[in-house]
Amino acid sequence: MEVDTARCLEDWGNAEAAFRHLERAHILGQSLTAAHVRVHWQMLLWGLRHRQAREVRGQLLRIAGAASKTALGCVPHGNTGGAGVSAVRRMPVPADLQQQLDSFNP
């Protein structure tokens, strides 16, 4: 859902809002390896489309980390996944996303 929203916003010319929804998708998917890697891939593509070299570099590293560390539980809860944030920083989860996470893990 968040990735779809990001695509629509980017298509409408709102790249910054689109990236915020990719960050939300990251929070939701970071505990599942495939979803985690997929969101970082989408962030990498966003960085390429918007010529954001820092984001591209950061996402290349994060894709490797997501692929190798997610299954081990080495993910900082609530981290938004963008290159502007430390890859190991825990962050608060927005209340609406926490409700979704709680509904997946009753």
PDB file of N, CA and C in Angstrom:
ATOM      1  N   MET A   1       0.819  -1.196   0.000  1.00  0.00           N
ATOM      2  CA  MET A   1       0.000   0.000   0.000  1.00  0.00           C
ATOM      3  C   MET A   1       0.864   1.261   0.000  1.00  0.00           C
ATOM      4  N   GLU A   2       1.831   1.338   0.899  1.00  0.00           N
ATOM      5  CA  GLU A   2       2.692   2.524   0.982  1.00  0.00           C
ATOM      6  C   GLU A   2       3.530   2.686  -0.288  1.00  0.00           C
ATOM      7  N   VAL A   3       3.999   1.578  -0.847  1.00  0.00           N
ATOM      8  CA  VAL A   3       4.796   1.653  -2.077  1.00  0.00           C
ATOM      9  C   VAL A   3       3.919   2.130  -3.234  1.00  0.00           C
ATOM     10  N   ASP A   4       2.678   1.655  -3.273  1.00  0.00           N
ATOM     11  CA  ASP A   4       1.748   2.111  -4.320  1.00  0.00           C
ATOM     12  C   ASP A   4       1.472   3.608  -4.188  1.00  0.00           C
ATOM     13  N   THR A   5       1.284   4.060  -2.962  1.00  0.00           N
ATOM     14  CA  THR A   5       1.063   5.486  -2.717  1.00  0.00           C
ATOM     15  C   THR A   5       2.276   6.284  -3.168  1.00  0.00           C
ATOM     16  N   ALA A   6       3.464   5.769  -2.873  1.00  0.00           N
ATOM     17  CA  ALA A   6       4.693   6.445  -3.291  1.00  0.00           C
ATOM     18  C   ALA A   6       4.750   6.586  -4.807  1.00  0.00           C
ATOM     19  N   ARG A   7       4.403   5.521  -5.506  1.00  0.00           N
ATOM     20  CA  ARG A   7       4.423   5.568  -6.974  1.00  0.00           C
ATOM     21  C   ARG A   7       3.462   6.628  -7.506  1.00  0.00           C
ATOM     22  N   CYS A   8       2.266   6.662  -6.945  1.00  0.00           N
ATOM     23  CA  CYS A   8       1.262   7.652  -7.397  1.00  0.00           C
ATOM     24  C   CYS A   8       1.760   9.071  -7.137  1.00  0.00           C
ATOM     25  N   LEU A   9       2.288   9.302  -5.948  1.00  0.00           N
ATOM     26  CA  LEU A   9       2.767  10.647  -5.619  1.00  0.00           C
ATOM     27  C   LEU A   9       3.916  11.068  -6.527  1.00  0.00           C
ATOM     28  N   GLU A  10       4.801  10.133  -6.804  1.00  0.00           N
ATOM     29  CA  GLU A  10       5.917  10.470  -7.690  1.00  0.00           C
ATOM     30  C   GLU A  10       5.401  10.752  -9.103  1.00  0.00           C
ATOM     31  N   ASP A  11       4.450   9.959  -9.557  1.00  0.00           N
ATOM     32  CA  ASP A  11       3.855  10.206 -10.878  1.00  0.00           C
ATOM     33  C   ASP A  11       3.209  11.585 -10.951  1.00  0.00           C
ATOM     34  N   TRP A  12       2.680  12.061  -9.839  1.00  0.00           N
ATOM     35  CA  TRP A  12       2.035  13.373  -9.768  1.00  0.00           C
ATOM     36  C   TRP A  12       3.039  14.489  -9.525  1.00  0.00           C
ATOM     37  N   GLY A  13       4.336  14.149  -9.476  1.00  0.00           N
ATOM     38  CA  GLY A  13       5.368  15.161  -9.339  1.00  0.00           C
ATOM     39  C   GLY A  13       5.753  15.516  -7.915  1.00  0.00           C
ATOM     40  N   ASN A  14       5.327  14.719  -6.946  1.00  0.00           N
ATOM     41  CA  ASN A  14       5.644  15.015  -5.557  1.00  0.00           C
ATOM     42  C   ASN A  14       6.661  13.996  -5.039  1.00  0.00           C
ATOM     43  N   ALA A  15       7.901  14.183  -5.445  1.00  0.00           N
ATOM     44  CA  ALA A  15       8.962  13.226  -5.130  1.00  0.00           C
ATOM     45  C   ALA A  15       9.236  13.117  -3.637  1.00  0.00           C
ATOM     46  N   GLU A  16       9.203  14.231  -2.936  1.00  0.00           N
ATOM     47  CA  GLU A  16       9.502  14.207  -1.495  1.00  0.00           C
ATOM     48  C   GLU A  16       8.449  13.428  -0.725  1.00  0.00           C
ATOM     49  N   ALA A  17       7.184  13.662  -1.036  1.00  0.00           N
ATOM     50  CA  ALA A  17       6.108  12.919  -0.376  1.00  0.00           C
ATOM     51  C   ALA A  17       6.192  11.438  -0.740  1.00  0.00           C
ATOM     52  N   ALA A  18       6.572  11.163  -1.973  1.00  0.00           N
ATOM     53  CA  ALA A  18       6.730   9.766  -2.402  1.00  0.00           C
ATOM     54  C   ALA A  18       7.784   9.076  -1.547  1.00  0.00           C
ATOM     55  N   PHE A  19       8.893   9.747  -1.322  1.00  0.00           N
ATOM     56  CA  PHE A  19       9.957   9.131  -0.525  1.00  0.00           C
ATOM     57  C   PHE A  19       9.502   8.899   0.912  1.00  0.00           C
ATOM     58  N   ARG A  20       8.713   9.809   1.460  1.00  0.00           N
ATOM     59  CA  ARG A  20       8.190   9.615   2.819  1.00  0.00           C
ATOM     60  C   ARG A  20       7.351   8.339   2.898  1.00  0.00           C
ATOM     61  N   HIS A  21       6.628   8.024   1.841  1.00  0.00           N
ATOM     62  CA  HIS A  21       5.845   6.789   1.847  1.00  0.00           C
ATOM     63  C   HIS A  21       6.737   5.565   1.671  1.00  0.00           C
ATOM     64  N   LEU A  22       7.838   5.703   0.969  1.00  0.00           N
ATOM     65  CA  LEU A  22       8.808   4.596   0.928  1.00  0.00           C
ATOM     66  C   LEU A  22       9.389   4.367   2.315  1.00  0.00           C
ATOM     67  N   GLU A  23       9.632   5.443   3.049  1.00  0.00           N
ATOM     68  CA  GLU A  23      10.124   5.299   4.424  1.00  0.00           C
ATOM     69  C   GLU A  23       9.104   4.567   5.295  1.00  0.00           C
ATOM     70  N   ARG A  24       7.836   4.889   5.115  1.00  0.00           N
ATOM     71  CA  ARG A  24       6.778   4.196   5.861  1.00  0.00           C
ATOM     72  C   ARG A  24       6.732   2.717   5.470  1.00  0.00           C
ATOM     73  N   ALA A  25       6.896   2.428   4.199  1.00  0.00           N
ATOM     74  CA  ALA A  25       6.933   1.035   3.741  1.00  0.00           C
ATOM     75  C   ALA A  25       8.121   0.309   4.371  1.00  0.00           C
ATOM     76  N   HIS A  26       9.223   1.021   4.529  1.00  0.00           N
ATOM     77  CA  HIS A  26      10.403   0.423   5.155  1.00  0.00           C
ATOM     78  C   HIS A  26      10.100   0.012   6.588  1.00  0.00           C
ATOM     79  N   ILE A  27       9.460   0.885   7.326  1.00  0.00           N
ATOM     80  CA  ILE A  27       9.117   0.568   8.712  1.00  0.00           C
ATOM     81  C   ILE A  27       8.260  -0.689   8.769  1.00  0.00           C
ATOM     82  N   LEU A  28       7.282  -0.785   7.879  1.00  0.00           N
ATOM     83  CA  LEU A  28       6.382  -1.937   7.882  1.00  0.00           C
ATOM     84  C   LEU A  28       7.064  -3.230   7.447  1.00  0.00           C
ATOM     85  N   GLY A  29       8.017  -3.145   6.532  1.00  0.00           N
ATOM     86  CA  GLY A  29       8.594  -4.360   5.958  1.00  0.00           C
ATOM     87  C   GLY A  29       9.944  -4.763   6.479  1.00  0.00           C
ATOM     88  N   GLN A  30      10.500  -3.998   7.410  1.00  0.00           N
ATOM     89  CA  GLN A  30      11.898  -4.250   7.761  1.00  0.00           C
ATOM     90  C   GLN A  30      12.138  -5.550   8.521  1.00  0.00           C
ATOM     91  N   SER A  31      11.115  -6.234   8.978  1.00  0.00           N
ATOM     92  CA  SER A  31      11.353  -7.493   9.687  1.00  0.00           C
ATOM     93  C   SER A  31      11.303  -8.711   8.762  1.00  0.00           C
ATOM     94  N   LEU A  32      10.951  -8.503   7.508  1.00  0.00           N
ATOM     95  CA  LEU A  32      10.884  -9.596   6.528  1.00  0.00           C
ATOM     96  C   LEU A  32      11.908  -9.342   5.426  1.00  0.00           C
ATOM     97  N   THR A  33      12.817 -10.257   5.244  1.00  0.00           N
ATOM     98  CA  THR A  33      13.944 -10.039   4.335  1.00  0.00           C
ATOM     99  C   THR A  33      13.510  -9.581   2.948  1.00  0.00           C
ATOM    100  N   ALA A  34      12.593 -10.292   2.317  1.00  0.00           N
ATOM    101  CA  ALA A  34      12.203  -9.938   0.943  1.00  0.00           C
ATOM    102  C   ALA A  34      11.592  -8.538   0.881  1.00  0.00           C
ATOM    103  N   ALA A  35      10.698  -8.234   1.805  1.00  0.00           N
ATOM    104  CA  ALA A  35      10.065  -6.909   1.822  1.00  0.00           C
ATOM    105  C   ALA A  35      11.094  -5.823   2.127  1.00  0.00           C
ATOM    106  N   HIS A  36      12.005  -6.110   3.022  1.00  0.00           N
ATOM    107  CA  HIS A  36      13.037  -5.152   3.407  1.00  0.00           C
ATOM    108  C   HIS A  36      13.936  -4.809   2.218  1.00  0.00           C
ATOM    109  N   VAL A  37      14.394  -5.834   1.533  1.00  0.00           N
ATOM    110  CA  VAL A  37      15.245  -5.620   0.359  1.00  0.00           C
ATOM    111  C   VAL A  37      14.472  -4.884  -0.733  1.00  0.00           C
ATOM    112  N   ARG A  38      13.208  -5.266  -0.943  1.00  0.00           N
ATOM    113  CA  ARG A  38      12.386  -4.635  -1.978  1.00  0.00           C
ATOM    114  C   ARG A  38      12.222  -3.135  -1.740  1.00  0.00           C
ATOM    115  N   VAL A  39      11.995  -2.736  -0.493  1.00  0.00           N
ATOM    116  CA  VAL A  39      11.816  -1.310  -0.206  1.00  0.00           C
ATOM    117  C   VAL A  39      13.127  -0.560  -0.435  1.00  0.00           C
ATOM    118  N   HIS A  40      14.243  -1.146  -0.012  1.00  0.00           N
ATOM    119  CA  HIS A  40      15.527  -0.477  -0.269  1.00  0.00           C
ATOM    120  C   HIS A  40      15.786  -0.374  -1.772  1.00  0.00           C
ATOM    121  N   TRP A  41      15.385  -1.382  -2.535  1.00  0.00           N
ATOM    122  CA  TRP A  41      15.515  -1.332  -3.993  1.00  0.00           C
ATOM    123  C   TRP A  41      14.695  -0.167  -4.544  1.00  0.00           C
ATOM    124  N   GLN A  42      13.461  -0.001  -4.054  1.00  0.00           N
ATOM    125  CA  GLN A  42      12.617   1.110  -4.502  1.00  0.00           C
ATOM    126  C   GLN A  42      13.250   2.457  -4.134  1.00  0.00           C
ATOM    127  N   MET A  43      13.873   2.524  -2.962  1.00  0.00           N
ATOM    128  CA  MET A  43      14.560   3.756  -2.555  1.00  0.00           C
ATOM    129  C   MET A  43      15.766   4.022  -3.461  1.00  0.00           C
ATOM    130  N   LEU A  44      16.472   2.966  -3.827  1.00  0.00           N
ATOM    131  CA  LEU A  44      17.602   3.116  -4.748  1.00  0.00           C
ATOM    132  C   LEU A  44      17.118   3.652  -6.093  1.00  0.00           C
ATOM    133  N   LEU A  45      16.049   3.080  -6.622  1.00  0.00           N
ATOM    134  CA  LEU A  45      15.510   3.550  -7.903  1.00  0.00           C
ATOM    135  C   LEU A  45      15.050   5.003  -7.800  1.00  0.00           C
ATOM    136  N   TRP A  46      14.426   5.364  -6.674  1.00  0.00           N
ATOM    137  CA  TRP A  46      14.015   6.748  -6.452  1.00  0.00           C
ATOM    138  C   TRP A  46      15.249   7.649  -6.505  1.00  0.00           C
ATOM    139  N   GLY A  47      16.318   7.246  -5.831  1.00  0.00           N
ATOM    140  CA  GLY A  47      17.558   8.030  -5.830  1.00  0.00           C
ATOM    141  C   GLY A  47      18.138   8.202  -7.225  1.00  0.00           C
ATOM    142  N   LEU A  48      18.084   7.141  -8.013  1.00  0.00           N
ATOM    143  CA  LEU A  48      18.576   7.227  -9.396  1.00  0.00           C
ATOM    144  C   LEU A  48      17.723   8.178 -10.228  1.00  0.00           C
ATOM    145  N   ARG A  49      16.406   8.048 -10.107  1.00  0.00           N
ATOM    146  CA  ARG A  49      15.507   8.910 -10.887  1.00  0.00           C
ATOM    147  C   ARG A  49      15.675  10.387 -10.533  1.00  0.00           C
ATOM    148  N   HIS A  50      16.010  10.653  -9.283  1.00  0.00           N
ATOM    149  CA  HIS A  50      16.117  12.050  -8.832  1.00  0.00           C
ATOM    150  C   HIS A  50      17.566  12.506  -8.665  1.00  0.00           C
ATOM    151  N   ARG A  51      18.466  11.697  -9.201  1.00  0.00           N
ATOM    152  CA  ARG A  51      19.900  12.027  -9.212  1.00  0.00           C
ATOM    153  C   ARG A  51      20.409  12.426  -7.819  1.00  0.00           C
ATOM    154  N   GLN A  52      20.067  11.596  -6.849  1.00  0.00           N
ATOM    155  CA  GLN A  52      20.476  11.800  -5.464  1.00  0.00           C
ATOM    156  C   GLN A  52      21.603  10.813  -5.146  1.00  0.00           C
ATOM    157  N   ALA A  53      22.834  11.232  -5.403  1.00  0.00           N
ATOM    158  CA  ALA A  53      23.978  10.329  -5.266  1.00  0.00           C
ATOM    159  C   ALA A  53      24.102   9.763  -3.853  1.00  0.00           C
ATOM    160  N   ARG A  54      23.861  10.592  -2.857  1.00  0.00           N
ATOM    161  CA  ARG A  54      23.965  10.111  -1.469  1.00  0.00           C
ATOM    162  C   ARG A  54      22.958   8.996  -1.216  1.00  0.00           C
ATOM    163  N   GLU A  55      21.744   9.171  -1.722  1.00  0.00           N
ATOM    164  CA  GLU A  55      20.712   8.151  -1.526  1.00  0.00           C
ATOM    165  C   GLU A  55      21.088   6.868  -2.249  1.00  0.00           C
ATOM    166  N   VAL A  56      21.609   6.989  -3.457  1.00  0.00           N
ATOM    167  CA  VAL A  56      22.012   5.808  -4.220  1.00  0.00           C
ATOM    168  C   VAL A  56      23.104   5.042  -3.476  1.00  0.00           C
ATOM    169  N   ARG A  57      24.134   5.741  -3.042  1.00  0.00           N
ATOM    170  CA  ARG A  57      25.223   5.077  -2.294  1.00  0.00           C
ATOM    171  C   ARG A  57      24.683   4.418  -1.032  1.00  0.00           C
ATOM    172  N   GLY A  58      23.870   5.149  -0.295  1.00  0.00           N
ATOM    173  CA  GLY A  58      23.318   4.620   0.944  1.00  0.00           C
ATOM    174  C   GLY A  58      22.455   3.393   0.727  1.00  0.00           C
ATOM    175  N   GLN A  59      21.672   3.421  -0.337  1.00  0.00           N
ATOM    176  CA  GLN A  59      20.790   2.287  -0.589  1.00  0.00           C
ATOM    177  C   GLN A  59      21.555   1.054  -1.061  1.00  0.00           C
ATOM    178  N   LEU A  60      22.640   1.240  -1.776  1.00  0.00           N
ATOM    179  CA  LEU A  60      23.451   0.083  -2.160  1.00  0.00           C
ATOM    180  C   LEU A  60      23.963  -0.639  -0.919  1.00  0.00           C
ATOM    181  N   LEU A  61      24.419   0.115   0.060  1.00  0.00           N
ATOM    182  CA  LEU A  61      24.884  -0.486   1.314  1.00  0.00           C
ATOM    183  C   LEU A  61      23.725  -1.115   2.080  1.00  0.00           C
ATOM    184  N   ARG A  62      22.593  -0.440   2.108  1.00  0.00           N
ATOM    185  CA  ARG A  62      21.447  -0.932   2.864  1.00  0.00           C
ATOM    186  C   ARG A  62      20.836  -2.179   2.229  1.00  0.00           C
ATOM    187  N   ILE A  63      20.883  -2.295   0.922  1.00  0.00           N
ATOM    188  CA  ILE A  63      20.388  -3.511   0.275  1.00  0.00           C
ATOM    189  C   ILE A  63      21.221  -4.705   0.731  1.00  0.00           C
ATOM    190  N   ALA A  64      22.530  -4.540   0.740  1.00  0.00           N
ATOM    191  CA  ALA A  64      23.408  -5.628   1.202  1.00  0.00           C
ATOM    192  C   ALA A  64      23.116  -5.967   2.658  1.00  0.00           C
ATOM    193  N   GLY A  65      22.947  -4.951   3.486  1.00  0.00           N
ATOM    194  CA  GLY A  65      22.655  -5.180   4.902  1.00  0.00           C
ATOM    195  C   GLY A  65      21.302  -5.843   5.102  1.00  0.00           C
ATOM    196  N   ALA A  66      20.294  -5.380   4.382  1.00  0.00           N
ATOM    197  CA  ALA A  66      18.953  -5.957   4.515  1.00  0.00           C
ATOM    198  C   ALA A  66      18.958  -7.423   4.089  1.00  0.00           C
ATOM    199  N   ALA A  67      19.671  -7.720   3.017  1.00  0.00           N
ATOM    200  CA  ALA A  67      19.716  -9.095   2.512  1.00  0.00           C
ATOM    201  C   ALA A  67      20.436 -10.033   3.470  1.00  0.00           C
ATOM    202  N   SER A  68      21.437  -9.525   4.158  1.00  0.00           N
ATOM    203  CA  SER A  68      22.252 -10.398   5.005  1.00  0.00           C
ATOM    204  C   SER A  68      21.901 -10.369   6.488  1.00  0.00           C
ATOM    205  N   LYS A  69      21.247  -9.326   6.962  1.00  0.00           N
ATOM    206  CA  LYS A  69      21.050  -9.198   8.398  1.00  0.00           C
ATOM    207  C   LYS A  69      19.604  -9.273   8.871  1.00  0.00           C
ATOM    208  N   THR A  70      18.647  -9.096   8.000  1.00  0.00           N
ATOM    209  CA  THR A  70      17.245  -9.078   8.421  1.00  0.00           C
ATOM    210  C   THR A  70      16.839 -10.391   9.079  1.00  0.00           C
ATOM    211  N   ALA A  71      17.184 -11.508   8.467  1.00  0.00           N
ATOM    212  CA  ALA A  71      16.796 -12.813   9.007  1.00  0.00           C
ATOM    213  C   ALA A  71      17.409 -13.061  10.388  1.00  0.00           C
ATOM    214  N   LEU A  72      18.498 -12.376  10.687  1.00  0.00           N
ATOM    215  CA  LEU A  72      19.145 -12.517  11.995  1.00  0.00           C
ATOM    216  C   LEU A  72      18.519 -11.598  13.041  1.00  0.00           C
ATOM    217  N   GLY A  73      17.571 -10.784  12.604  1.00  0.00           N
ATOM    218  CA  GLY A  73      16.911  -9.853  13.524  1.00  0.00           C
ATOM    219  C   GLY A  73      17.708  -8.590  13.786  1.00  0.00           C
ATOM    220  N   CYS A  74      18.696  -8.342  12.953  1.00  0.00           N
ATOM    221  CA  CYS A  74      19.557  -7.161  13.126  1.00  0.00           C
ATOM    222  C   CYS A  74      18.982  -5.963  12.383  1.00  0.00           C
ATOM    223  N   VAL A  75      17.813  -5.510  12.815  1.00  0.00           N
ATOM    224  CA  VAL A  75      17.204  -4.327  12.219  1.00  0.00           C
ATOM    225  C   VAL A  75      16.805  -3.377  13.337  1.00  0.00           C
ATOM    226  N   PRO A  76      17.098  -2.100  13.190  1.00  0.00           N
ATOM    227  CA  PRO A  76      16.719  -1.126  14.218  1.00  0.00           C
ATOM    228  C   PRO A  76      15.243  -0.751  14.069  1.00  0.00           C
ATOM    229  N   HIS A  77      14.463  -1.146  15.034  1.00  0.00           N
ATOM    230  CA  HIS A  77      13.016  -0.935  15.032  1.00  0.00           C
ATOM    231  C   HIS A  77      12.668   0.514  14.704  1.00  0.00           C
ATOM    232  N   GLY A  78      11.780   0.711  13.745  1.00  0.00           N
ATOM    233  CA  GLY A  78      11.288   2.033  13.404  1.00  0.00           C
ATOM    234  C   GLY A  78      12.156   2.841  12.462  1.00  0.00           C
ATOM    235  N   ASN A  79      13.345   2.346  12.142  1.00  0.00           N
ATOM    236  CA  ASN A  79      14.238   3.088  11.252  1.00  0.00           C
ATOM    237  C   ASN A  79      13.555   3.297   9.905  1.00  0.00           C
ATOM    238  N   THR A  80      13.676   4.502   9.368  1.00  0.00           N
ATOM    239  CA  THR A  80      12.972   4.836   8.121  1.00  0.00           C
ATOM    240  C   THR A  80      13.714   4.409   6.858  1.00  0.00           C
ATOM    241  N   GLY A  81      14.977   4.010   6.960  1.00  0.00           N
ATOM    242  CA  GLY A  81      15.671   3.391   5.845  1.00  0.00           C
ATOM    243  C   GLY A  81      16.335   4.286   4.826  1.00  0.00           C
ATOM    244  N   GLY A  82      16.139   5.587   4.921  1.00  0.00           N
ATOM    245  CA  GLY A  82      16.772   6.488   3.967  1.00  0.00           C
ATOM    246  C   GLY A  82      18.231   6.739   4.314  1.00  0.00           C
ATOM    247  N   ALA A  83      18.983   7.197   3.348  1.00  0.00           N
ATOM    248  CA  ALA A  83      20.416   7.443   3.548  1.00  0.00           C
ATOM    249  C   ALA A  83      20.683   8.617   4.492  1.00  0.00           C
ATOM    250  N   GLY A  84      19.681   9.435   4.755  1.00  0.00           N
ATOM    251  CA  GLY A  84      19.851  10.563   5.653  1.00  0.00           C
ATOM    252  C   GLY A  84      19.792  10.188   7.126  1.00  0.00           C
ATOM    253  N   VAL A  85      19.592   8.899   7.411  1.00  0.00           N
ATOM    254  CA  VAL A  85      19.502   8.422   8.784  1.00  0.00           C
ATOM    255  C   VAL A  85      20.502   7.289   8.960  1.00  0.00           C
ATOM    256  N   SER A  86      21.120   7.210  10.121  1.00  0.00           N
ATOM    257  CA  SER A  86      22.028   6.104  10.400  1.00  0.00           C
ATOM    258  C   SER A  86      21.294   4.780  10.213  1.00  0.00           C
ATOM    259  N   ALA A  87      21.951   3.834   9.576  1.00  0.00           N
ATOM    260  CA  ALA A  87      21.337   2.535   9.316  1.00  0.00           C
ATOM    261  C   ALA A  87      21.101   1.739  10.592  1.00  0.00           C
ATOM    262  N   VAL A  88      21.674   2.133  11.701  1.00  0.00           N
ATOM    263  CA  VAL A  88      21.513   1.391  12.953  1.00  0.00           C
ATOM    264  C   VAL A  88      20.694   2.152  14.000  1.00  0.00           C
ATOM    265  N   ARG A  89      20.147   3.280  13.630  1.00  0.00           N
ATOM    266  CA  ARG A  89      19.392   4.108  14.579  1.00  0.00           C
ATOM    267  C   ARG A  89      17.958   3.590  14.756  1.00  0.00           C
ATOM    268  N   ARG A  90      17.598   3.310  16.002  1.00  0.00           N
ATOM    269  CA  ARG A  90      16.209   2.979  16.330  1.00  0.00           C
ATOM    270  C   ARG A  90      15.416   4.274  16.337  1.00  0.00           C
ATOM    271  N   MET A  91      14.170   4.197  15.881  1.00  0.00           N
ATOM    272  CA  MET A  91      13.333   5.388  15.803  1.00  0.00           C
ATOM    273  C   MET A  91      11.923   5.043  16.265  1.00  0.00           C
ATOM    274  N   PRO A  92      11.180   6.047  16.724  1.00  0.00           N
ATOM    275  CA  PRO A  92       9.792   5.771  17.105  1.00  0.00           C
ATOM    276  C   PRO A  92       8.958   5.433  15.870  1.00  0.00           C
ATOM    277  N   VAL A  93       7.996   4.560  16.066  1.00  0.00           N
ATOM    278  CA  VAL A  93       7.109   4.151  14.979  1.00  0.00           C
ATOM    279  C   VAL A  93       5.844   5.001  15.060  1.00  0.00           C
ATOM    280  N   PRO A  94       5.438   5.619  13.944  1.00  0.00           N
ATOM    281  CA  PRO A  94       4.184   6.368  13.953  1.00  0.00           C
ATOM    282  C   PRO A  94       3.028   5.474  14.421  1.00  0.00           C
ATOM    283  N   ALA A  95       2.103   6.061  15.153  1.00  0.00           N
ATOM    284  CA  ALA A  95       1.022   5.287  15.771  1.00  0.00           C
ATOM    285  C   ALA A  95       0.224   4.465  14.764  1.00  0.00           C
ATOM    286  N   ASP A  96      -0.077   5.032  13.591  1.00  0.00           N
ATOM    287  CA  ASP A  96      -0.870   4.280  12.615  1.00  0.00           C
ATOM    288  C   ASP A  96      -0.108   3.071  12.078  1.00  0.00           C
ATOM    289  N   LEU A  97       1.202   3.210  11.943  1.00  0.00           N
ATOM    290  CA  LEU A  97       1.998   2.068  11.480  1.00  0.00           C
ATOM    291  C   LEU A  97       2.144   1.034  12.588  1.00  0.00           C
ATOM    292  N   GLN A  98       2.240   1.484  13.835  1.00  0.00           N
ATOM    293  CA  GLN A  98       2.336   0.546  14.955  1.00  0.00           C
ATOM    294  C   GLN A  98       1.074  -0.297  15.034  1.00  0.00           C
ATOM    295  N   GLN A  99      -0.074   0.320  14.781  1.00  0.00           N
ATOM    296  CA  GLN A  99      -1.327  -0.444  14.773  1.00  0.00           C
ATOM    297  C   GLN A  99      -1.297  -1.528  13.696  1.00  0.00           C
ATOM    298  N   GLN A 100      -0.774  -1.185  12.532  1.00  0.00           N
ATOM    299  CA  GLN A 100      -0.673  -2.187  11.460  1.00  0.00           C
ATOM    300  C   GLN A 100       0.280  -3.308  11.852  1.00  0.00           C
ATOM    301  N   LEU A 101       1.411  -2.950  12.435  1.00  0.00           N
ATOM    302  CA  LEU A 101       2.380  -3.953  12.862  1.00  0.00           C
ATOM    303  C   LEU A 101       1.784  -4.862  13.935  1.00  0.00           C
ATOM    304  N   ASP A 102       1.043  -4.257  14.866  1.00  0.00           N
ATOM    305  CA  ASP A 102       0.413  -5.046  15.930  1.00  0.00           C
ATOM    306  C   ASP A 102      -0.626  -6.003  15.360  1.00  0.00           C
ATOM    307  N   SER A 103      -1.322  -5.592  14.313  1.00  0.00           N
ATOM    308  CA  SER A 103      -2.349  -6.464  13.733  1.00  0.00           C
ATOM    309  C   SER A 103      -1.716  -7.667  13.009  1.00  0.00           C
ATOM    310  N   PHE A 104      -0.464  -7.523  12.559  1.00  0.00           N
ATOM    311  CA  PHE A 104       0.241  -8.642  11.918  1.00  0.00           C
ATOM    312  C   PHE A 104       0.762  -9.615  12.955  1.00  0.00           C
ATOM    313  N   ASN A 105       1.090  -9.113  14.141  1.00  0.00           N
ATOM    314  CA  ASN A 105       1.684  -9.920  15.207  1.00  0.00           C
ATOM    315  C   ASN A 105       0.854  -9.781  16.488  1.00  0.00           C
ATOM    316  N   PRO A 106      -0.326 -10.400  16.508  1.00  0.00           N
ATOM    317  CA  PRO A 106      -1.197 -10.234  17.692  1.00  0.00           C
ATOM    318  C   PRO A 106      -0.613 -10.841  18.944  1.00  0.00           C
TER     319      PRO A 106
END
